[in-house]
Amino acid sequence: MIHFVLGGARSGKSCFAEQQVLELAKKKNKQAVYIATASAIDSEMESRITKHQFDRNGKGNNWQLIECPLALSDSLTELEKGNVYLLDCLTLWLNNQLFSKHEASSAEQSQHLQHEIGKLLTSLGNLDSDIVIVSNEIGLGVIPMGESTRLYVDNCGWLNQGVARIAEEVTLVTAGIPFKIKVGGVNSHE
């Protein structure tokens, strides 16, 4: 079962997703495993990672951790079935992918992102584990300036659409309030 959780920055999406994973792990008597995509590229990001770690483990929860800033598709194919997974977050993973090709041409970056997104969607489509996936909804604002920023925003949108298509559940979190927009594989607006 794939549950996709979207929201803006500081919307409460990670907290909501963590609760979903812990409840499901407890219900099924399984281990909660956190798949982290963040890289501590500067002190501000290091502080964010530390806060997430404290929020997760400071409540007496016993999370296992898989750090996966780039090779996410490969890691997903190796997951053990006896766990419940939280993947947080796809937008950081996509940023890592783009940054890994920062010296390439725009066309090469675009091709790389499309290839990696395709691999990820295939891995998720073949996944036989319970997973809650977090991503930022960044397409609600103005069109960003700069070719690489637009490339990133466009690919985030396509990535989110692809994951939402294969997810059984999709939840949008706004101001800490979750809104189910797809349940049981059916969009709520259908």
Protein backbone atom coordinates (compact mmCIF):
# COMPACT_ATOMS: atom_id res chain seq x y z
CA MET A 1 0.00 0.00 0.00
CA ILE A 2 1.33 3.40 -1.02
CA HIS A 3 0.03 6.46 0.84
CA PHE A 4 1.25 9.70 -0.73
CA VAL A 5 1.29 12.79 1.50
CA LEU A 6 1.65 16.23 -0.08
CA GLY A 7 1.84 19.68 1.45
CA GLY A 8 3.67 22.97 1.45
CA ALA A 9 6.61 23.94 3.63
CA ARG A 10 5.77 23.62 7.33
CA SER A 11 2.28 22.34 6.51
CA GLY A 12 2.49 19.45 8.98
CA LYS A 13 2.90 16.78 6.29
CA SER A 14 5.90 15.03 7.88
CA CYS A 15 4.26 14.87 11.30
CA PHE A 16 1.07 13.50 9.75
CA ALA A 17 3.03 10.93 7.72
CA GLU A 18 5.00 9.81 10.79
CA GLN A 19 1.75 9.27 12.71
CA GLN A 20 0.34 7.22 9.82
CA VAL A 21 3.43 4.99 9.72
CA LEU A 22 3.53 4.50 13.50
CA GLU A 23 -0.17 3.62 13.65
CA LEU A 24 0.13 1.16 10.77
CA ALA A 25 3.30 -0.41 12.20
CA LYS A 26 1.61 -0.85 15.58
CA LYS A 27 -1.56 -2.26 14.03
CA LYS A 28 0.40 -4.78 11.92
CA ASN A 29 3.06 -5.42 14.60
CA LYS A 30 5.82 -4.29 12.24
CA GLN A 31 8.92 -2.10 12.50
CA ALA A 32 8.72 1.56 11.44
CA VAL A 33 11.58 2.45 9.08
CA TYR A 34 12.46 6.00 8.02
CA ILE A 35 13.96 6.44 4.55
CA ALA A 36 15.71 9.81 4.69
CA THR A 37 16.68 11.63 1.50
CA ALA A 38 18.13 14.79 3.04
CA SER A 39 21.79 15.73 2.80
CA ALA A 40 23.38 18.08 5.32
CA ILE A 41 24.79 20.45 2.71
CA ASP A 42 24.96 23.41 5.12
CA SER A 43 24.39 24.25 8.80
CA GLU A 44 20.74 25.23 8.25
CA MET A 45 19.96 21.87 6.63
CA GLU A 46 21.89 20.10 9.38
CA SER A 47 19.62 21.84 11.93
CA ARG A 48 16.52 20.72 10.04
CA ILE A 49 17.74 17.12 9.96
CA THR A 50 18.52 17.22 13.69
CA LYS A 51 15.02 18.59 14.43
CA HIS A 52 13.41 15.82 12.35
CA GLN A 53 15.50 13.19 14.16
CA PHE A 54 14.54 14.60 17.56
CA ASP A 55 10.85 14.86 16.62
CA ARG A 56 10.87 11.24 15.43
CA ASN A 57 12.84 9.62 18.22
CA GLY A 58 12.24 12.06 21.07
CA LYS A 59 8.80 10.57 21.67
CA GLY A 60 10.09 7.12 22.56
CA ASN A 61 9.53 5.74 19.08
CA ASN A 62 12.05 3.23 17.81
CA TRP A 63 12.60 4.08 14.15
CA GLN A 64 15.14 2.29 12.00
CA LEU A 65 16.86 4.56 9.50
CA ILE A 66 17.89 4.18 5.86
CA GLU A 67 19.76 7.17 4.46
CA CYS A 68 19.20 7.43 0.75
CA PRO A 69 19.97 10.80 -0.82
CA LEU A 70 20.42 9.48 -4.40
CA ALA A 71 20.01 5.71 -5.04
CA LEU A 72 16.37 5.61 -3.96
CA SER A 73 15.10 3.28 -6.73
CA ASP A 74 17.72 0.68 -5.88
CA SER A 75 17.02 0.96 -2.15
CA LEU A 76 13.29 0.44 -2.69
CA THR A 77 13.90 -2.84 -4.51
CA GLU A 78 15.79 -4.12 -1.45
CA LEU A 79 13.19 -3.30 1.25
CA GLU A 80 12.12 -6.04 3.63
CA LYS A 81 8.40 -6.85 3.53
CA GLY A 82 8.08 -7.07 7.32
CA ASN A 83 8.32 -3.31 7.87
CA VAL A 84 6.30 -0.13 7.36
CA TYR A 85 8.26 2.61 5.61
CA LEU A 86 8.23 6.39 5.65
CA LEU A 87 9.97 8.03 2.71
CA ASP A 88 10.66 11.70 3.51
CA CYS A 89 10.92 13.42 1.11
CA LEU A 90 10.76 13.19 -2.67
CA THR A 91 11.48 16.86 -3.30
CA LEU A 92 14.80 16.64 -1.44
CA TRP A 93 15.66 13.50 -3.41
CA LEU A 94 14.87 15.31 -6.67
CA ASN A 95 17.00 18.27 -5.55
CA ASN A 96 19.87 15.87 -4.84
CA GLN A 97 19.46 14.40 -8.32
CA LEU A 98 19.57 17.83 -9.93
CA PHE A 99 22.56 18.91 -7.83
CA SER A 100 24.45 15.73 -8.76
CA LYS A 101 24.37 17.02 -12.36
CA HIS A 102 24.89 20.72 -11.62
CA GLU A 103 27.72 21.01 -14.14
CA ALA A 104 25.77 19.31 -16.95
CA SER A 105 23.81 21.12 -19.62
CA SER A 106 20.13 21.84 -19.09
CA ALA A 107 19.22 19.15 -21.61
CA GLU A 108 21.42 16.59 -19.81
CA GLN A 109 19.93 17.58 -16.44
CA SER A 110 16.42 17.20 -17.81
CA GLN A 111 17.22 13.80 -19.30
CA HIS A 112 18.80 12.66 -16.02
CA LEU A 113 15.77 13.76 -13.96
CA GLN A 114 13.32 12.07 -16.33
CA HIS A 115 15.38 8.86 -16.21
CA GLU A 116 15.58 8.85 -12.40
CA ILE A 117 11.87 9.67 -12.01
CA GLY A 118 11.02 6.81 -14.38
CA LYS A 119 13.20 4.39 -12.41
CA LEU A 120 11.62 5.53 -9.14
CA LEU A 121 8.05 5.16 -10.42
CA THR A 122 8.86 1.66 -11.72
CA SER A 123 10.34 0.68 -8.34
CA LEU A 124 7.30 2.04 -6.50
CA GLY A 125 4.94 0.27 -8.89
CA ASN A 126 6.66 -3.04 -8.08
CA LEU A 127 6.86 -2.43 -4.33
CA ASP A 128 5.21 -4.99 -2.10
CA SER A 129 5.47 -3.10 1.21
CA ASP A 130 3.49 -0.52 3.11
CA ILE A 131 5.01 2.91 2.52
CA VAL A 132 4.02 6.48 3.24
CA ILE A 133 5.74 8.94 0.91
CA VAL A 134 6.12 12.66 1.64
CA SER A 135 6.57 15.36 -0.98
CA ASN A 136 6.24 19.10 -1.20
CA GLU A 137 3.50 20.62 -3.31
CA ILE A 138 5.47 23.47 -4.82
CA GLY A 139 3.43 24.15 -7.94
CA LEU A 140 0.91 26.50 -6.36
CA GLY A 141 3.05 29.64 -6.52
CA VAL A 142 4.37 31.93 -9.19
CA ILE A 143 6.49 30.63 -12.05
CA PRO A 144 10.08 30.82 -10.76
CA MET A 145 12.81 32.77 -12.48
CA GLY A 146 15.77 30.85 -13.81
CA GLU A 147 15.92 27.88 -16.13
CA SER A 148 17.21 25.37 -13.55
CA THR A 149 14.57 26.41 -11.00
CA ARG A 150 11.81 25.95 -13.57
CA LEU A 151 13.32 22.58 -14.52
CA TYR A 152 13.18 21.55 -10.86
CA VAL A 153 9.60 22.79 -10.31
CA ASP A 154 8.35 21.13 -13.52
CA ASN A 155 9.95 17.81 -12.59
CA CYS A 156 8.57 18.00 -9.04
CA GLY A 157 5.11 18.35 -10.54
CA TRP A 158 5.59 15.41 -12.90
CA LEU A 159 7.08 13.30 -10.10
CA ASN A 160 4.15 14.08 -7.78
CA GLN A 161 1.64 13.28 -10.53
CA GLY A 162 3.32 9.94 -11.21
CA VAL A 163 3.38 8.91 -7.55
CA ALA A 164 -0.23 10.05 -7.05
CA ARG A 165 -1.33 7.86 -9.98
CA ILE A 166 0.10 4.69 -8.44
CA ALA A 167 -0.75 5.47 -4.80
CA GLU A 168 -3.81 3.92 -3.20
CA GLU A 169 -4.19 6.94 -0.94
CA VAL A 170 -3.25 10.58 -1.41
CA THR A 171 -3.53 13.16 1.36
CA LEU A 172 -2.94 16.90 1.08
CA VAL A 173 -1.92 18.52 4.38
CA THR A 174 -2.57 22.24 4.75
CA ALA A 175 -2.08 24.17 8.02
CA GLY A 176 -1.77 20.85 9.84
CA ILE A 177 -5.12 19.60 8.52
CA PRO A 178 -5.12 16.48 6.33
CA PHE A 179 -7.50 16.30 3.36
CA LYS A 180 -7.93 12.89 1.72
CA ILE A 181 -7.98 13.43 -2.03
CA LYS A 182 -7.65 9.78 -3.08
CA VAL A 183 -8.85 6.79 -1.08
CA GLY A 184 -8.73 3.15 -2.09
CA GLY A 185 -7.32 4.06 -5.49
CA VAL A 186 -10.25 6.37 -6.31
CA ASN A 187 -9.95 10.15 -6.53
CA SER A 188 -12.42 11.80 -4.15
CA HIS A 189 -13.67 14.10 -6.92
CA GLU A 190 -14.80 11.19 -9.15
